[in-house]
Amino acid sequence: MRIGAQLYTLRDYIKDLPGVAETFKKVKAIGYSNVQISGMGPVDPKEVAKIAKDLGLTISCTHMSWDAFLKDLDTVIETHKMWGCRHSAIGGLAGTYFTLEGLKQFTDELAPVAAKLTAAGLTFSYHNHHHELAKYDGKTWLARLYDTVDGKTLKGEIDTYWITAGGGDPIWWINKLAGREPLVHFKDMMILPNREVRMAPIGEGNLNWEGIIKACKAGGVEYALVEQDSCYDQNPFDALAQSYNNLKAMGLD
């Protein structure tokens, strides 16, 4: 399992090609060997591929909109091939999908998309937030999703912070999806003395990283993507560096 940087953390710095180039350099200098493309501006993917190649940085996975998969799948596949990237994913869905009827709509839409991605040698993963842990007839939307769709069609991308925020146990969920989870989002949760709940660099909050890492390794996770949606008063690059150094001290690289 390799540590990667989820670029949504750095979304404000990757709106144009000069920003992408500078950001990739800084991420590589921290020690990350791979990145997940997310939150990037409308830049030429060929140029992004060249920047990554020149720096020796792997584009391991992506987040793209569900609309892109539905309406422009050929371009999605072409872009992933250009980047040498096997793992595609979505960061979430529109709110209309979060009903039992919406779940069926998504799984019906997913089937032909996933078939074409598989034929092209790509995987498709779903990234959760906390609202997928709302229960419908006694069972969470997220559990229904993974119990409905087979592991060849749909992979998991568990987000440790958001599972916890939804009242779930990230270790339980990582174990549940063992064998079908190439990606996991590593994100810590802390509580401040004023009772504010915050995202935090890995190892600076209260999540059980020893247990999470053990479950990831047992479940076949390929990439642990470090993400921090909000860094508050800390520079995002410093936050990613703190997470990387703490994970390295835990035995990851």
C-alpha atoms as a PDB file:
ATOM      1  CA  MET A   1       0.000   0.000   0.000  1.00  0.00           C
ATOM      2  CA  ARG A   2       1.419   3.381  -1.054  1.00  0.00           C
ATOM      3  CA  ILE A   3       0.668   6.796   0.424  1.00  0.00           C
ATOM      4  CA  GLY A   4      -0.753   9.273  -2.085  1.00  0.00           C
ATOM      5  CA  ALA A   5      -1.844  12.906  -1.994  1.00  0.00           C
ATOM      6  CA  GLN A   6      -5.479  13.648  -2.809  1.00  0.00           C
ATOM      7  CA  LEU A   7      -5.220  16.909  -4.707  1.00  0.00           C
ATOM      8  CA  TYR A   8      -8.617  18.185  -3.570  1.00  0.00           C
ATOM      9  CA  THR A   9      -6.672  19.339  -0.519  1.00  0.00           C
ATOM     10  CA  LEU A  10      -4.711  21.623  -2.869  1.00  0.00           C
ATOM     11  CA  ARG A  11      -7.586  22.573  -5.182  1.00  0.00           C
ATOM     12  CA  ASP A  12      -6.917  26.307  -4.833  1.00  0.00           C
ATOM     13  CA  TYR A  13      -3.425  25.832  -6.274  1.00  0.00           C
ATOM     14  CA  ILE A  14      -4.211  23.724  -9.377  1.00  0.00           C
ATOM     15  CA  LYS A  15      -6.504  25.969 -11.391  1.00  0.00           C
ATOM     16  CA  ASP A  16      -4.010  26.404 -14.265  1.00  0.00           C
ATOM     17  CA  LEU A  17      -0.941  24.615 -15.656  1.00  0.00           C
ATOM     18  CA  PRO A  18       1.690  26.737 -13.843  1.00  0.00           C
ATOM     19  CA  GLY A  19      -0.169  25.997 -10.603  1.00  0.00           C
ATOM     20  CA  VAL A  20      -0.309  22.276 -11.399  1.00  0.00           C
ATOM     21  CA  ALA A  21       3.424  22.196 -12.149  1.00  0.00           C
ATOM     22  CA  GLU A  22       4.358  24.012  -8.932  1.00  0.00           C
ATOM     23  CA  THR A  23       1.956  21.926  -6.851  1.00  0.00           C
ATOM     24  CA  PHE A  24       3.250  18.632  -8.276  1.00  0.00           C
ATOM     25  CA  LYS A  25       6.826  19.730  -7.475  1.00  0.00           C
ATOM     26  CA  LYS A  26       5.914  20.534  -3.887  1.00  0.00           C
ATOM     27  CA  VAL A  27       3.968  17.284  -3.408  1.00  0.00           C
ATOM     28  CA  LYS A  28       6.904  15.300  -4.786  1.00  0.00           C
ATOM     29  CA  ALA A  29       9.319  17.198  -2.525  1.00  0.00           C
ATOM     30  CA  ILE A  30       7.243  16.258   0.524  1.00  0.00           C
ATOM     31  CA  GLY A  31       7.794  12.610  -0.383  1.00  0.00           C
ATOM     32  CA  TYR A  32       4.558  11.541  -2.061  1.00  0.00           C
ATOM     33  CA  SER A  33       5.099   9.243  -5.036  1.00  0.00           C
ATOM     34  CA  ASN A  34       1.561   9.462  -6.411  1.00  0.00           C
ATOM     35  CA  VAL A  35      -1.477  11.722  -6.537  1.00  0.00           C
ATOM     36  CA  GLN A  36      -5.222  11.490  -6.982  1.00  0.00           C
ATOM     37  CA  ILE A  37      -6.458  14.069  -9.471  1.00  0.00           C
ATOM     38  CA  SER A  38      -9.413  16.005  -8.036  1.00  0.00           C
ATOM     39  CA  GLY A  39     -10.507  19.630  -8.032  1.00  0.00           C
ATOM     40  CA  MET A  40      -8.253  20.545 -10.949  1.00  0.00           C
ATOM     41  CA  GLY A  41      -9.061  23.439 -13.248  1.00  0.00           C
ATOM     42  CA  PRO A  42      -9.763  23.126 -16.996  1.00  0.00           C
ATOM     43  CA  VAL A  43      -6.189  22.315 -18.011  1.00  0.00           C
ATOM     44  CA  ASP A  44      -4.840  20.220 -20.890  1.00  0.00           C
ATOM     45  CA  PRO A  45      -4.575  16.599 -19.660  1.00  0.00           C
ATOM     46  CA  LYS A  46      -1.641  15.974 -22.002  1.00  0.00           C
ATOM     47  CA  GLU A  47       0.318  18.712 -20.267  1.00  0.00           C
ATOM     48  CA  VAL A  48      -0.637  17.301 -16.868  1.00  0.00           C
ATOM     49  CA  ALA A  49       0.668  13.898 -17.981  1.00  0.00           C
ATOM     50  CA  LYS A  50       3.951  15.459 -19.093  1.00  0.00           C
ATOM     51  CA  ILE A  51       4.409  17.360 -15.817  1.00  0.00           C
ATOM     52  CA  ALA A  52       3.804  14.195 -13.796  1.00  0.00           C
ATOM     53  CA  LYS A  53       6.134  12.109 -15.970  1.00  0.00           C
ATOM     54  CA  ASP A  54       8.941  14.662 -15.824  1.00  0.00           C
ATOM     55  CA  LEU A  55       8.738  14.669 -12.017  1.00  0.00           C
ATOM     56  CA  GLY A  56       8.412  10.891 -11.670  1.00  0.00           C
ATOM     57  CA  LEU A  57       5.012  11.324 -10.044  1.00  0.00           C
ATOM     58  CA  THR A  58       2.342   8.672 -10.662  1.00  0.00           C
ATOM     59  CA  ILE A  59      -1.296   9.627 -11.229  1.00  0.00           C
ATOM     60  CA  SER A  60      -2.731   6.680  -9.348  1.00  0.00           C
ATOM     61  CA  CYS A  61      -6.428   7.555  -9.395  1.00  0.00           C
ATOM     62  CA  THR A  62      -8.973  10.288 -10.041  1.00  0.00           C
ATOM     63  CA  HIS A  63     -12.230  11.857  -9.004  1.00  0.00           C
ATOM     64  CA  MET A  64     -14.445  12.962 -11.876  1.00  0.00           C
ATOM     65  CA  SER A  65     -18.093  13.988 -11.899  1.00  0.00           C
ATOM     66  CA  TRP A  66     -20.783  11.389 -12.435  1.00  0.00           C
ATOM     67  CA  ASP A  67     -22.032  13.531 -15.330  1.00  0.00           C
ATOM     68  CA  ALA A  68     -18.676  13.054 -17.058  1.00  0.00           C
ATOM     69  CA  PHE A  69     -19.037   9.277 -16.819  1.00  0.00           C
ATOM     70  CA  LEU A  70     -22.608   9.423 -18.107  1.00  0.00           C
ATOM     71  CA  LYS A  71     -22.150  11.958 -20.893  1.00  0.00           C
ATOM     72  CA  ASP A  72     -18.517  11.772 -21.999  1.00  0.00           C
ATOM     73  CA  LEU A  73     -17.214   8.328 -21.052  1.00  0.00           C
ATOM     74  CA  ASP A  74     -14.916   8.016 -24.058  1.00  0.00           C
ATOM     75  CA  THR A  75     -13.052  11.161 -22.990  1.00  0.00           C
ATOM     76  CA  VAL A  76     -12.871   9.894 -19.397  1.00  0.00           C
ATOM     77  CA  ILE A  77     -11.279   6.659 -20.612  1.00  0.00           C
ATOM     78  CA  GLU A  78      -8.928   8.471 -22.995  1.00  0.00           C
ATOM     79  CA  THR A  79      -7.776  10.799 -20.212  1.00  0.00           C
ATOM     80  CA  HIS A  80      -7.081   7.926 -17.836  1.00  0.00           C
ATOM     81  CA  LYS A  81      -5.096   6.118 -20.518  1.00  0.00           C
ATOM     82  CA  MET A  82      -3.112   9.297 -21.166  1.00  0.00           C
ATOM     83  CA  TRP A  83      -2.292   9.529 -17.470  1.00  0.00           C
ATOM     84  CA  GLY A  84      -1.456   5.826 -17.123  1.00  0.00           C
ATOM     85  CA  CYS A  85      -4.151   5.660 -14.475  1.00  0.00           C
ATOM     86  CA  ARG A  86      -6.207   2.509 -13.781  1.00  0.00           C
ATOM     87  CA  HIS A  87      -8.494   3.708 -11.015  1.00  0.00           C
ATOM     88  CA  SER A  88     -11.406   6.053 -11.708  1.00  0.00           C
ATOM     89  CA  ALA A  89     -13.847   7.229  -9.040  1.00  0.00           C
ATOM     90  CA  ILE A  90     -16.522   9.761  -8.207  1.00  0.00           C
ATOM     91  CA  GLY A  91     -16.418  11.989  -5.169  1.00  0.00           C
ATOM     92  CA  GLY A  92     -20.176  11.829  -4.650  1.00  0.00           C
ATOM     93  CA  LEU A  93     -23.619  12.098  -6.208  1.00  0.00           C
ATOM     94  CA  ALA A  94     -26.381  14.675  -6.386  1.00  0.00           C
ATOM     95  CA  GLY A  95     -28.805  14.617  -3.466  1.00  0.00           C
ATOM     96  CA  THR A  96     -31.608  13.171  -5.584  1.00  0.00           C
ATOM     97  CA  TYR A  97     -29.846   9.790  -5.555  1.00  0.00           C
ATOM     98  CA  PHE A  98     -30.141   9.353  -1.800  1.00  0.00           C
ATOM     99  CA  THR A  99     -33.425   7.484  -1.651  1.00  0.00           C
ATOM    100  CA  LEU A 100     -34.211   3.865  -2.412  1.00  0.00           C
ATOM    101  CA  GLU A 101     -35.424   4.944  -5.842  1.00  0.00           C
ATOM    102  CA  GLY A 102     -32.288   7.022  -6.342  1.00  0.00           C
ATOM    103  CA  LEU A 103     -30.125   4.068  -5.393  1.00  0.00           C
ATOM    104  CA  LYS A 104     -31.770   1.980  -8.097  1.00  0.00           C
ATOM    105  CA  GLN A 105     -31.298   4.803 -10.588  1.00  0.00           C
ATOM    106  CA  PHE A 106     -27.576   4.929  -9.814  1.00  0.00           C
ATOM    107  CA  THR A 107     -27.055   1.180 -10.040  1.00  0.00           C
ATOM    108  CA  ASP A 108     -28.981   1.054 -13.335  1.00  0.00           C
ATOM    109  CA  GLU A 109     -26.865   3.900 -14.729  1.00  0.00           C
ATOM    110  CA  LEU A 110     -23.666   2.348 -13.419  1.00  0.00           C
ATOM    111  CA  ALA A 111     -23.971  -1.032 -15.124  1.00  0.00           C
ATOM    112  CA  PRO A 112     -23.144   0.026 -18.723  1.00  0.00           C
ATOM    113  CA  VAL A 113     -20.576   2.597 -17.548  1.00  0.00           C
ATOM    114  CA  ALA A 114     -18.710   0.050 -15.431  1.00  0.00           C
ATOM    115  CA  ALA A 115     -18.832  -2.537 -18.237  1.00  0.00           C
ATOM    116  CA  LYS A 116     -17.132  -0.128 -20.635  1.00  0.00           C
ATOM    117  CA  LEU A 117     -14.557   0.915 -18.026  1.00  0.00           C
ATOM    118  CA  THR A 118     -13.752  -2.720 -17.248  1.00  0.00           C
ATOM    119  CA  ALA A 119     -13.331  -3.486 -20.939  1.00  0.00           C
ATOM    120  CA  ALA A 120     -10.830  -0.606 -21.103  1.00  0.00           C
ATOM    121  CA  GLY A 121      -8.890  -1.965 -18.116  1.00  0.00           C
ATOM    122  CA  LEU A 122     -10.149   0.607 -15.603  1.00  0.00           C
ATOM    123  CA  THR A 123     -11.841   0.258 -12.227  1.00  0.00           C
ATOM    124  CA  PHE A 124     -14.632   2.419 -10.802  1.00  0.00           C
ATOM    125  CA  SER A 125     -14.854   3.337  -7.116  1.00  0.00           C
ATOM    126  CA  TYR A 126     -17.419   5.186  -5.003  1.00  0.00           C
ATOM    127  CA  HIS A 127     -16.267   7.723  -2.406  1.00  0.00           C
ATOM    128  CA  ASN A 128     -18.561   8.253   0.571  1.00  0.00           C
ATOM    129  CA  HIS A 129     -19.383  11.179   2.792  1.00  0.00           C
ATOM    130  CA  HIS A 130     -21.508  10.869   5.950  1.00  0.00           C
ATOM    131  CA  HIS A 131     -24.997  11.141   4.446  1.00  0.00           C
ATOM    132  CA  GLU A 132     -24.720   7.673   2.864  1.00  0.00           C
ATOM    133  CA  LEU A 133     -24.999   6.258   6.391  1.00  0.00           C
ATOM    134  CA  ALA A 134     -28.609   7.387   6.704  1.00  0.00           C
ATOM    135  CA  LYS A 135     -30.803   4.307   7.025  1.00  0.00           C
ATOM    136  CA  TYR A 136     -33.602   3.344   4.641  1.00  0.00           C
ATOM    137  CA  ASP A 137     -35.856   0.579   5.988  1.00  0.00           C
ATOM    138  CA  GLY A 138     -33.255  -0.224   8.624  1.00  0.00           C
ATOM    139  CA  LYS A 139     -30.179  -0.412   6.379  1.00  0.00           C
ATOM    140  CA  THR A 140     -27.780   2.334   5.378  1.00  0.00           C
ATOM    141  CA  TRP A 141     -27.743   3.587   1.804  1.00  0.00           C
ATOM    142  CA  LEU A 142     -24.033   2.734   1.583  1.00  0.00           C
ATOM    143  CA  ALA A 143     -24.525  -0.853   2.725  1.00  0.00           C
ATOM    144  CA  ARG A 144     -27.379  -1.255   0.273  1.00  0.00           C
ATOM    145  CA  LEU A 145     -25.154   0.040  -2.522  1.00  0.00           C
ATOM    146  CA  TYR A 146     -22.309  -2.402  -1.880  1.00  0.00           C
ATOM    147  CA  ASP A 147     -24.670  -5.304  -1.174  1.00  0.00           C
ATOM    148  CA  THR A 148     -26.557  -4.643  -4.421  1.00  0.00           C
ATOM    149  CA  VAL A 149     -23.641  -4.220  -6.836  1.00  0.00           C
ATOM    150  CA  ASP A 150     -20.929  -6.869  -7.219  1.00  0.00           C
ATOM    151  CA  GLY A 151     -17.279  -6.158  -6.531  1.00  0.00           C
ATOM    152  CA  LYS A 152     -16.225  -6.446 -10.158  1.00  0.00           C
ATOM    153  CA  THR A 153     -18.590  -3.635 -11.141  1.00  0.00           C
ATOM    154  CA  LEU A 154     -18.107  -1.326  -8.157  1.00  0.00           C
ATOM    155  CA  LYS A 155     -15.080  -0.815  -5.943  1.00  0.00           C
ATOM    156  CA  GLY A 156     -15.009   0.981  -2.624  1.00  0.00           C
ATOM    157  CA  GLU A 157     -13.188   4.155  -1.634  1.00  0.00           C
ATOM    158  CA  ILE A 158     -13.924   4.476   2.069  1.00  0.00           C
ATOM    159  CA  ASP A 159     -13.260   7.893   3.610  1.00  0.00           C
ATOM    160  CA  THR A 160     -12.195   7.395   7.223  1.00  0.00           C
ATOM    161  CA  TYR A 161     -13.321  10.827   8.435  1.00  0.00           C
ATOM    162  CA  TRP A 162     -16.729  10.819   6.792  1.00  0.00           C
ATOM    163  CA  ILE A 163     -17.545   7.284   7.906  1.00  0.00           C
ATOM    164  CA  THR A 164     -16.766   8.375  11.460  1.00  0.00           C
ATOM    165  CA  ALA A 165     -18.815  11.566  11.041  1.00  0.00           C
ATOM    166  CA  GLY A 166     -21.771   9.414   9.993  1.00  0.00           C
ATOM    167  CA  GLY A 167     -21.502   7.314  13.152  1.00  0.00           C
ATOM    168  CA  GLY A 168     -19.754   4.395  11.464  1.00  0.00           C
ATOM    169  CA  ASP A 169     -16.540   2.525  12.181  1.00  0.00           C
ATOM    170  CA  PRO A 170     -13.971   2.935   9.383  1.00  0.00           C
ATOM    171  CA  ILE A 171     -12.245  -0.338  10.289  1.00  0.00           C
ATOM    172  CA  TRP A 172     -15.557  -2.224  10.022  1.00  0.00           C
ATOM    173  CA  TRP A 173     -16.242  -0.698   6.625  1.00  0.00           C
ATOM    174  CA  ILE A 174     -12.731  -1.339   5.310  1.00  0.00           C
ATOM    175  CA  ASN A 175     -13.085  -4.952   6.430  1.00  0.00           C
ATOM    176  CA  LYS A 176     -16.517  -5.209   4.805  1.00  0.00           C
ATOM    177  CA  LEU A 177     -15.094  -4.135   1.448  1.00  0.00           C
ATOM    178  CA  ALA A 178     -11.945  -6.270   1.631  1.00  0.00           C
ATOM    179  CA  GLY A 179     -10.928  -7.408  -1.825  1.00  0.00           C
ATOM    180  CA  ARG A 180     -12.837  -4.665  -3.621  1.00  0.00           C
ATOM    181  CA  GLU A 181     -11.154  -1.490  -2.345  1.00  0.00           C
ATOM    182  CA  PRO A 182      -8.115  -0.304  -4.300  1.00  0.00           C
ATOM    183  CA  LEU A 183      -8.424   3.137  -2.688  1.00  0.00           C
ATOM    184  CA  VAL A 184      -9.034   4.503   0.807  1.00  0.00           C
ATOM    185  CA  HIS A 185      -9.125   8.151   1.871  1.00  0.00           C
ATOM    186  CA  PHE A 186      -7.029   8.784   4.953  1.00  0.00           C
ATOM    187  CA  LYS A 187      -8.411  11.706   6.924  1.00  0.00           C
ATOM    188  CA  ASP A 188      -8.225  12.254  10.687  1.00  0.00           C
ATOM    189  CA  MET A 189     -10.778  13.765  13.072  1.00  0.00           C
ATOM    190  CA  MET A 190     -10.008  15.894  16.121  1.00  0.00           C
ATOM    191  CA  ILE A 191     -12.126  17.620  18.747  1.00  0.00           C
ATOM    192  CA  LEU A 192     -11.060  20.990  20.121  1.00  0.00           C
ATOM    193  CA  PRO A 193     -11.576  22.151  23.726  1.00  0.00           C
ATOM    194  CA  ASN A 194     -14.386  24.423  22.489  1.00  0.00           C
ATOM    195  CA  ARG A 195     -16.156  21.253  21.202  1.00  0.00           C
ATOM    196  CA  GLU A 196     -15.511  22.051  17.552  1.00  0.00           C
ATOM    197  CA  VAL A 197     -14.982  18.956  15.403  1.00  0.00           C
ATOM    198  CA  ARG A 198     -12.250  19.372  12.787  1.00  0.00           C
ATOM    199  CA  MET A 199     -10.417  17.458  10.103  1.00  0.00           C
ATOM    200  CA  ALA A 200      -6.776  17.015  11.021  1.00  0.00           C
ATOM    201  CA  PRO A 201      -3.471  15.773   9.626  1.00  0.00           C
ATOM    202  CA  ILE A 202      -3.103  12.023  10.030  1.00  0.00           C
ATOM    203  CA  GLY A 203      -2.002  11.121  13.545  1.00  0.00           C
ATOM    204  CA  GLU A 204      -3.009  14.478  15.022  1.00  0.00           C
ATOM    205  CA  GLY A 205      -6.619  13.468  15.705  1.00  0.00           C
ATOM    206  CA  ASN A 206      -8.352  10.561  17.393  1.00  0.00           C
ATOM    207  CA  LEU A 207      -8.828   7.870  14.735  1.00  0.00           C
ATOM    208  CA  ASN A 208      -7.303   4.421  15.289  1.00  0.00           C
ATOM    209  CA  TRP A 209      -4.590   4.492  12.633  1.00  0.00           C
ATOM    210  CA  GLU A 210      -2.930   1.275  13.723  1.00  0.00           C
ATOM    211  CA  GLY A 211      -6.220  -0.559  13.216  1.00  0.00           C
ATOM    212  CA  ILE A 212      -7.090   1.297  10.018  1.00  0.00           C
ATOM    213  CA  ILE A 213      -3.718   0.554   8.415  1.00  0.00           C
ATOM    214  CA  LYS A 214      -3.913  -3.106   9.433  1.00  0.00           C
ATOM    215  CA  ALA A 215      -7.394  -3.421   7.921  1.00  0.00           C
ATOM    216  CA  CYS A 216      -6.289  -1.691   4.707  1.00  0.00           C
ATOM    217  CA  LYS A 217      -3.343  -4.015   4.244  1.00  0.00           C
ATOM    218  CA  ALA A 218      -5.483  -7.080   4.927  1.00  0.00           C
ATOM    219  CA  GLY A 219      -8.143  -5.830   2.495  1.00  0.00           C
ATOM    220  CA  GLY A 220      -5.753  -5.300  -0.408  1.00  0.00           C
ATOM    221  CA  VAL A 221      -5.815  -1.500  -0.520  1.00  0.00           C
ATOM    222  CA  GLU A 222      -3.334  -0.239  -3.107  1.00  0.00           C
ATOM    223  CA  TYR A 223      -3.369   3.484  -2.330  1.00  0.00           C
ATOM    224  CA  ALA A 224      -3.996   5.355   0.910  1.00  0.00           C
ATOM    225  CA  LEU A 225      -4.890   8.861  -0.286  1.00  0.00           C
ATOM    226  CA  VAL A 226      -4.280  11.612   2.247  1.00  0.00           C
ATOM    227  CA  GLU A 227      -6.946  14.288   2.072  1.00  0.00           C
ATOM    228  CA  GLN A 228      -7.911  17.236   4.230  1.00  0.00           C
ATOM    229  CA  ASP A 229     -10.891  19.137   2.824  1.00  0.00           C
ATOM    230  CA  SER A 230     -10.299  21.994   5.279  1.00  0.00           C
ATOM    231  CA  CYS A 231      -6.907  22.885   6.744  1.00  0.00           C
ATOM    232  CA  TYR A 232      -8.210  25.885   8.725  1.00  0.00           C
ATOM    233  CA  ASP A 233      -5.274  28.119   9.718  1.00  0.00           C
ATOM    234  CA  GLN A 234      -2.618  25.634   8.530  1.00  0.00           C
ATOM    235  CA  ASN A 235      -1.060  25.820   5.070  1.00  0.00           C
ATOM    236  CA  PRO A 236      -2.418  22.849   3.049  1.00  0.00           C
ATOM    237  CA  PHE A 237       1.078  21.810   1.928  1.00  0.00           C
ATOM    238  CA  ASP A 238       2.223  21.802   5.557  1.00  0.00           C
ATOM    239  CA  ALA A 239      -0.802  19.708   6.515  1.00  0.00           C
ATOM    240  CA  LEU A 240       0.000  17.154   3.788  1.00  0.00           C
ATOM    241  CA  ALA A 241       3.631  17.082   4.902  1.00  0.00           C
ATOM    242  CA  GLN A 242       2.625  16.503   8.524  1.00  0.00           C
ATOM    243  CA  SER A 243       0.349  13.631   7.470  1.00  0.00           C
ATOM    244  CA  TYR A 244       3.074  12.112   5.289  1.00  0.00           C
ATOM    245  CA  ASN A 245       5.717  12.282   8.024  1.00  0.00           C
ATOM    246  CA  ASN A 246       3.371  10.783  10.606  1.00  0.00           C
ATOM    247  CA  LEU A 247       2.372   7.935   8.268  1.00  0.00           C
ATOM    248  CA  LYS A 248       6.002   7.264   7.443  1.00  0.00           C
ATOM    249  CA  ALA A 249       6.691   7.005  11.179  1.00  0.00           C
ATOM    250  CA  MET A 250       3.865   4.443  11.291  1.00  0.00           C
ATOM    251  CA  GLY A 251       5.721   2.350   8.698  1.00  0.00           C
ATOM    252  CA  LEU A 252       4.103   3.481   5.453  1.00  0.00           C
ATOM    253  CA  ASP A 253       5.750   5.051   2.411  1.00  0.00           C
END
